[in-house]
């Protein structure tokens, strides 16, 4: 079964939602190098775990911000 491809524009959009230091956090969590994480977002290599981790970080931040906004 072929690995699914992810559009480079979608990778760029996801990368733009990450904050400073997130590549390093993802790398540490997955036990890989920061360079490997960066290569995933340029489309040089595929690693679904990196993408899943990035999506989880973005979703978590959105949830926290939504929670904080509802309290104000």
PDB file of N, CA and C in Angstrom:
ATOM      1  N   UNK A   1       0.841  -1.178   0.000  1.00  0.00           N
ATOM      2  CA  UNK A   1       0.000   0.000   0.000  1.00  0.00           C
ATOM      3  C   UNK A   1       0.890   1.247   0.000  1.00  0.00           C
ATOM      4  N   UNK A   2       0.602   2.169  -0.895  1.00  0.00           N
ATOM      5  CA  UNK A   2       1.409   3.381  -1.031  1.00  0.00           C
ATOM      6  C   UNK A   2       1.122   4.344   0.116  1.00  0.00           C
ATOM      7  N   UNK A   3       2.156   5.048   0.497  1.00  0.00           N
ATOM      8  CA  UNK A   3       1.987   6.060   1.542  1.00  0.00           C
ATOM      9  C   UNK A   3       1.182   7.229   0.979  1.00  0.00           C
ATOM     10  N   UNK A   4       0.283   7.789   1.771  1.00  0.00           N
ATOM     11  CA  UNK A   4      -0.476   8.938   1.260  1.00  0.00           C
ATOM     12  C   UNK A   4       0.433  10.156   1.125  1.00  0.00           C
ATOM     13  N   UNK A   5       0.171  10.941   0.106  1.00  0.00           N
ATOM     14  CA  UNK A   5       0.941  12.158  -0.071  1.00  0.00           C
ATOM     15  C   UNK A   5       0.174  13.323   0.541  1.00  0.00           C
ATOM     16  N   UNK A   6       0.911  14.280   1.005  1.00  0.00           N
ATOM     17  CA  UNK A   6       0.304  15.457   1.603  1.00  0.00           C
ATOM     18  C   UNK A   6       0.752  16.665   0.792  1.00  0.00           C
ATOM     19  N   UNK A   7      -0.194  17.461   0.405  1.00  0.00           N
ATOM     20  CA  UNK A   7       0.062  18.644  -0.399  1.00  0.00           C
ATOM     21  C   UNK A   7       1.040  19.577   0.316  1.00  0.00           C
ATOM     22  N   UNK A   8       2.018  20.096  -0.414  1.00  0.00           N
ATOM     23  CA  UNK A   8       3.024  20.990   0.190  1.00  0.00           C
ATOM     24  C   UNK A   8       2.391  22.259   0.747  1.00  0.00           C
ATOM     25  N   UNK A   9       1.318  22.716   0.127  1.00  0.00           N
ATOM     26  CA  UNK A   9       0.635  23.912   0.626  1.00  0.00           C
ATOM     27  C   UNK A   9       0.011  23.640   1.994  1.00  0.00           C
ATOM     28  N   UNK A  10      -0.518  22.435   2.181  1.00  0.00           N
ATOM     29  CA  UNK A  10      -1.099  22.074   3.476  1.00  0.00           C
ATOM     30  C   UNK A  10      -0.009  21.937   4.536  1.00  0.00           C
ATOM     31  N   UNK A  11       1.145  21.397   4.141  1.00  0.00           N
ATOM     32  CA  UNK A  11       2.267  21.311   5.075  1.00  0.00           C
ATOM     33  C   UNK A  11       2.717  22.711   5.491  1.00  0.00           C
ATOM     34  N   UNK A  12       2.773  23.616   4.524  1.00  0.00           N
ATOM     35  CA  UNK A  12       3.186  24.987   4.816  1.00  0.00           C
ATOM     36  C   UNK A  12       2.181  25.664   5.749  1.00  0.00           C
ATOM     37  N   UNK A  13       0.894  25.442   5.504  1.00  0.00           N
ATOM     38  CA  UNK A  13      -0.143  26.037   6.352  1.00  0.00           C
ATOM     39  C   UNK A  13      -0.038  25.505   7.780  1.00  0.00           C
ATOM     40  N   UNK A  14       0.206  24.208   7.928  1.00  0.00           N
ATOM     41  CA  UNK A  14       0.370  23.627   9.258  1.00  0.00           C
ATOM     42  C   UNK A  14       1.621  24.183   9.923  1.00  0.00           C
ATOM     43  N   UNK A  15       2.715  24.248   9.182  1.00  0.00           N
ATOM     44  CA  UNK A  15       3.975  24.789   9.720  1.00  0.00           C
ATOM     45  C   UNK A  15       3.786  26.221  10.216  1.00  0.00           C
ATOM     46  N   UNK A  16       3.010  26.999   9.494  1.00  0.00           N
ATOM     47  CA  UNK A  16       2.782  28.393   9.876  1.00  0.00           C
ATOM     48  C   UNK A  16       1.965  28.529  11.161  1.00  0.00           C
ATOM     49  N   UNK A  17       1.259  27.497  11.544  1.00  0.00           N
ATOM     50  CA  UNK A  17       0.481  27.525  12.779  1.00  0.00           C
ATOM     51  C   UNK A  17       1.312  27.130  13.994  1.00  0.00           C
ATOM     52  N   UNK A  18       2.494  26.586  13.754  1.00  0.00           N
ATOM     53  CA  UNK A  18       3.362  26.175  14.855  1.00  0.00           C
ATOM     54  C   UNK A  18       4.097  27.388  15.412  1.00  0.00           C
ATOM     55  N   UNK A  19       4.460  27.281  16.669  1.00  0.00           N
ATOM     56  CA  UNK A  19       5.173  28.364  17.338  1.00  0.00           C
ATOM     57  C   UNK A  19       6.664  28.063  17.393  1.00  0.00           C
ATOM     58  N   UNK A  20       7.414  29.097  17.734  1.00  0.00           N
ATOM     59  CA  UNK A  20       8.860  28.952  17.884  1.00  0.00           C
ATOM     60  C   UNK A  20       9.153  27.835  18.887  1.00  0.00           C
ATOM     61  N   UNK A  21      10.008  26.914  18.503  1.00  0.00           N
ATOM     62  CA  UNK A  21      10.388  25.820  19.392  1.00  0.00           C
ATOM     63  C   UNK A  21       9.573  24.554  19.211  1.00  0.00           C
ATOM     64  N   UNK A  22       8.509  24.615  18.431  1.00  0.00           N
ATOM     65  CA  UNK A  22       7.663  23.428  18.256  1.00  0.00           C
ATOM     66  C   UNK A  22       8.383  22.310  17.507  1.00  0.00           C
ATOM     67  N   UNK A  23       9.223  22.637  16.542  1.00  0.00           N
ATOM     68  CA  UNK A  23       9.975  21.584  15.845  1.00  0.00           C
ATOM     69  C   UNK A  23      10.812  20.803  16.855  1.00  0.00           C
ATOM     70  N   UNK A  24      11.466  21.524  17.761  1.00  0.00           N
ATOM     71  CA  UNK A  24      12.302  20.869  18.767  1.00  0.00           C
ATOM     72  C   UNK A  24      11.448  20.030  19.712  1.00  0.00           C
ATOM     73  N   UNK A  25      10.284  20.546  20.112  1.00  0.00           N
ATOM     74  CA  UNK A  25       9.391  19.789  20.996  1.00  0.00           C
ATOM     75  C   UNK A  25       8.907  18.509  20.319  1.00  0.00           C
ATOM     76  N   UNK A  26       8.545  18.614  19.048  1.00  0.00           N
ATOM     77  CA  UNK A  26       8.102  17.432  18.303  1.00  0.00           C
ATOM     78  C   UNK A  26       9.237  16.425  18.201  1.00  0.00           C
ATOM     79  N   UNK A  27      10.420  16.903  17.871  1.00  0.00           N
ATOM     80  CA  UNK A  27      11.585  16.027  17.744  1.00  0.00           C
ATOM     81  C   UNK A  27      11.875  15.301  19.053  1.00  0.00           C
ATOM     82  N   UNK A  28      11.835  16.028  20.142  1.00  0.00           N
ATOM     83  CA  UNK A  28      12.116  15.421  21.448  1.00  0.00           C
ATOM     84  C   UNK A  28      11.061  14.382  21.794  1.00  0.00           C
ATOM     85  N   UNK A  29       9.799  14.707  21.549  1.00  0.00           N
ATOM     86  CA  UNK A  29       8.705  13.789  21.864  1.00  0.00           C
ATOM     87  C   UNK A  29       8.823  12.482  21.061  1.00  0.00           C
ATOM     88  N   UNK A  30       9.240  12.595  19.805  1.00  0.00           N
ATOM     89  CA  UNK A  30       9.310  11.419  18.937  1.00  0.00           C
ATOM     90  C   UNK A  30      10.687  10.751  18.921  1.00  0.00           C
ATOM     91  N   UNK A  31      11.666  11.386  19.565  1.00  0.00           N
ATOM     92  CA  UNK A  31      13.004  10.805  19.605  1.00  0.00           C
ATOM     93  C   UNK A  31      13.721  10.875  18.262  1.00  0.00           C
ATOM     94  N   UNK A  32      13.485  11.965  17.529  1.00  0.00           N
ATOM     95  CA  UNK A  32      14.141  12.176  16.243  1.00  0.00           C
ATOM     96  C   UNK A  32      14.809  13.548  16.260  1.00  0.00           C
ATOM     97  N   UNK A  33      15.539  13.859  15.198  1.00  0.00           N
ATOM     98  CA  UNK A  33      16.231  15.147  15.172  1.00  0.00           C
ATOM     99  C   UNK A  33      15.299  16.266  14.716  1.00  0.00           C
ATOM    100  N   UNK A  34      15.664  17.479  15.089  1.00  0.00           N
ATOM    101  CA  UNK A  34      14.912  18.656  14.665  1.00  0.00           C
ATOM    102  C   UNK A  34      14.983  18.803  13.150  1.00  0.00           C
ATOM    103  N   UNK A  35      16.131  18.431  12.577  1.00  0.00           N
ATOM    104  CA  UNK A  35      16.309  18.492  11.132  1.00  0.00           C
ATOM    105  C   UNK A  35      15.324  17.571  10.419  1.00  0.00           C
ATOM    106  N   UNK A  36      15.093  16.404  10.975  1.00  0.00           N
ATOM    107  CA  UNK A  36      14.129  15.475  10.391  1.00  0.00           C
ATOM    108  C   UNK A  36      12.733  16.081  10.397  1.00  0.00           C
ATOM    109  N   UNK A  37      12.364  16.720  11.495  1.00  0.00           N
ATOM    110  CA  UNK A  37      11.059  17.383  11.582  1.00  0.00           C
ATOM    111  C   UNK A  37      10.962  18.468  10.513  1.00  0.00           C
ATOM    112  N   UNK A  38      11.996  19.262  10.369  1.00  0.00           N
ATOM    113  CA  UNK A  38      11.995  20.331   9.369  1.00  0.00           C
ATOM    114  C   UNK A  38      11.847  19.757   7.961  1.00  0.00           C
ATOM    115  N   UNK A  39      12.499  18.640   7.689  1.00  0.00           N
ATOM    116  CA  UNK A  39      12.416  18.024   6.363  1.00  0.00           C
ATOM    117  C   UNK A  39      11.013  17.501   6.062  1.00  0.00           C
ATOM    118  N   UNK A  40      10.290  17.116   7.090  1.00  0.00           N
ATOM    119  CA  UNK A  40       8.902  16.689   6.881  1.00  0.00           C
ATOM    120  C   UNK A  40       8.087  17.862   6.350  1.00  0.00           C
ATOM    121  N   UNK A  41       8.295  19.043   6.909  1.00  0.00           N
ATOM    122  CA  UNK A  41       7.508  20.208   6.516  1.00  0.00           C
ATOM    123  C   UNK A  41       7.943  20.829   5.197  1.00  0.00           C
ATOM    124  N   UNK A  42       9.115  20.454   4.697  1.00  0.00           N
ATOM    125  CA  UNK A  42       9.511  20.892   3.361  1.00  0.00           C
ATOM    126  C   UNK A  42       9.113  19.854   2.310  1.00  0.00           C
ATOM    127  N   UNK A  43       8.634  18.706   2.778  1.00  0.00           N
ATOM    128  CA  UNK A  43       8.202  17.650   1.863  1.00  0.00           C
ATOM    129  C   UNK A  43       9.315  16.726   1.428  1.00  0.00           C
ATOM    130  N   UNK A  44      10.504  16.877   2.015  1.00  0.00           N
ATOM    131  CA  UNK A  44      11.637  16.040   1.633  1.00  0.00           C
ATOM    132  C   UNK A  44      11.470  14.593   2.111  1.00  0.00           C
ATOM    133  N   UNK A  45      10.871  14.417   3.272  1.00  0.00           N
ATOM    134  CA  UNK A  45      10.610  13.072   3.785  1.00  0.00           C
ATOM    135  C   UNK A  45       9.180  13.009   4.305  1.00  0.00           C
ATOM    136  N   UNK A  46       8.658  11.805   4.449  1.00  0.00           N
ATOM    137  CA  UNK A  46       7.313  11.617   4.987  1.00  0.00           C
ATOM    138  C   UNK A  46       7.419  10.967   6.363  1.00  0.00           C
ATOM    139  N   UNK A  47       6.690  11.528   7.293  1.00  0.00           N
ATOM    140  CA  UNK A  47       6.608  10.945   8.630  1.00  0.00           C
ATOM    141  C   UNK A  47       5.282  11.377   9.229  1.00  0.00           C
ATOM    142  N   UNK A  48       4.335  10.481   9.186  1.00  0.00           N
ATOM    143  CA  UNK A  48       2.980  10.802   9.640  1.00  0.00           C
ATOM    144  C   UNK A  48       2.955  11.124  11.126  1.00  0.00           C
ATOM    145  N   UNK A  49       3.866  10.568  11.901  1.00  0.00           N
ATOM    146  CA  UNK A  49       3.904  10.845  13.340  1.00  0.00           C
ATOM    147  C   UNK A  49       4.229  12.314  13.602  1.00  0.00           C
ATOM    148  N   UNK A  50       5.104  12.885  12.798  1.00  0.00           N
ATOM    149  CA  UNK A  50       5.445  14.300  12.949  1.00  0.00           C
ATOM    150  C   UNK A  50       4.216  15.151  12.671  1.00  0.00           C
ATOM    151  N   UNK A  51       3.513  14.830  11.615  1.00  0.00           N
ATOM    152  CA  UNK A  51       2.325  15.591  11.238  1.00  0.00           C
ATOM    153  C   UNK A  51       1.236  15.446  12.302  1.00  0.00           C
ATOM    154  N   UNK A  52       1.038  14.243  12.789  1.00  0.00           N
ATOM    155  CA  UNK A  52       0.043  14.028  13.853  1.00  0.00           C
ATOM    156  C   UNK A  52       0.394  14.825  15.094  1.00  0.00           C
ATOM    157  N   UNK A  53       1.655  14.831  15.465  1.00  0.00           N
ATOM    158  CA  UNK A  53       2.082  15.571  16.655  1.00  0.00           C
ATOM    159  C   UNK A  53       1.856  17.071  16.461  1.00  0.00           C
ATOM    160  N   UNK A  54       2.172  17.567  15.275  1.00  0.00           N
ATOM    161  CA  UNK A  54       1.962  18.986  14.991  1.00  0.00           C
ATOM    162  C   UNK A  54       0.479  19.337  15.044  1.00  0.00           C
ATOM    163  N   UNK A  55      -0.352  18.496  14.463  1.00  0.00           N
ATOM    164  CA  UNK A  55      -1.798  18.732  14.501  1.00  0.00           C
ATOM    165  C   UNK A  55      -2.315  18.726  15.935  1.00  0.00           C
ATOM    166  N   UNK A  56      -1.822  17.809  16.740  1.00  0.00           N
ATOM    167  CA  UNK A  56      -2.242  17.752  18.146  1.00  0.00           C
ATOM    168  C   UNK A  56      -1.848  19.027  18.889  1.00  0.00           C
ATOM    169  N   UNK A  57      -0.659  19.549  18.613  1.00  0.00           N
ATOM    170  CA  UNK A  57      -0.213  20.787  19.269  1.00  0.00           C
ATOM    171  C   UNK A  57      -1.125  21.950  18.880  1.00  0.00           C
ATOM    172  N   UNK A  58      -1.435  22.052  17.601  1.00  0.00           N
ATOM    173  CA  UNK A  58      -2.280  23.144  17.117  1.00  0.00           C
ATOM    174  C   UNK A  58      -3.688  23.024  17.708  1.00  0.00           C
ATOM    175  N   UNK A  59      -4.246  21.820  17.698  1.00  0.00           N
ATOM    176  CA  UNK A  59      -5.592  21.615  18.246  1.00  0.00           C
ATOM    177  C   UNK A  59      -5.629  21.927  19.735  1.00  0.00           C
ATOM    178  N   UNK A  60      -4.599  21.520  20.459  1.00  0.00           N
ATOM    179  CA  UNK A  60      -4.548  21.781  21.898  1.00  0.00           C
ATOM    180  C   UNK A  60      -4.513  23.286  22.165  1.00  0.00           C
ATOM    181  N   UNK A  61      -3.687  24.011  21.415  1.00  0.00           N
ATOM    182  CA  UNK A  61      -3.610  25.469  21.600  1.00  0.00           C
ATOM    183  C   UNK A  61      -4.940  26.136  21.290  1.00  0.00           C
ATOM    184  N   UNK A  62      -5.600  25.672  20.227  1.00  0.00           N
ATOM    185  CA  UNK A  62      -6.899  26.251  19.866  1.00  0.00           C
ATOM    186  C   UNK A  62      -7.912  26.014  20.983  1.00  0.00           C
ATOM    187  N   UNK A  63      -7.876  24.821  21.571  1.00  0.00           N
ATOM    188  CA  UNK A  63      -8.797  24.485  22.660  1.00  0.00           C
ATOM    189  C   UNK A  63      -8.535  25.374  23.876  1.00  0.00           C
ATOM    190  N   UNK A  64      -7.269  25.569  24.212  1.00  0.00           N
ATOM    191  CA  UNK A  64      -6.902  26.405  25.354  1.00  0.00           C
ATOM    192  C   UNK A  64      -7.332  27.849  25.109  1.00  0.00           C
ATOM    193  N   UNK A  65      -7.064  28.360  23.919  1.00  0.00           N
ATOM    194  CA  UNK A  65      -7.439  29.733  23.601  1.00  0.00           C
ATOM    195  C   UNK A  65      -8.950  29.913  23.626  1.00  0.00           C
ATOM    196  N   UNK A  66      -9.675  28.942  23.118  1.00  0.00           N
ATOM    197  CA  UNK A  66     -11.135  29.006  23.140  1.00  0.00           C
ATOM    198  C   UNK A  66     -11.643  29.027  24.586  1.00  0.00           C
ATOM    199  N   UNK A  67     -11.041  28.210  25.425  1.00  0.00           N
ATOM    200  CA  UNK A  67     -11.409  28.148  26.832  1.00  0.00           C
ATOM    201  C   UNK A  67     -11.128  29.487  27.522  1.00  0.00           C
ATOM    202  N   UNK A  68      -9.968  30.052  27.236  1.00  0.00           N
ATOM    203  CA  UNK A  68      -9.621  31.336  27.858  1.00  0.00           C
ATOM    204  C   UNK A  68     -10.535  32.445  27.375  1.00  0.00           C
ATOM    205  N   UNK A  69     -10.869  32.444  26.105  1.00  0.00           N
ATOM    206  CA  UNK A  69     -11.741  33.476  25.554  1.00  0.00           C
ATOM    207  C   UNK A  69     -13.163  33.389  26.124  1.00  0.00           C
ATOM    208  N   UNK A  70     -13.624  32.173  26.414  1.00  0.00           N
ATOM    209  CA  UNK A  70     -14.966  32.028  26.951  1.00  0.00           C
ATOM    210  C   UNK A  70     -15.048  32.498  28.403  1.00  0.00           C
ATOM    211  N   UNK A  71     -13.892  32.508  29.095  1.00  0.00           N
ATOM    212  CA  UNK A  71     -13.871  32.953  30.488  1.00  0.00           C
ATOM    213  C   UNK A  71     -13.873  34.468  30.599  1.00  0.00           C
ATOM    214  N   UNK A  72     -13.476  35.165  29.543  1.00  0.00           N
ATOM    215  CA  UNK A  72     -13.404  36.633  29.602  1.00  0.00           C
ATOM    216  C   UNK A  72     -14.732  37.167  29.364  1.00  0.00           C
TER     217      UNK A  72
END
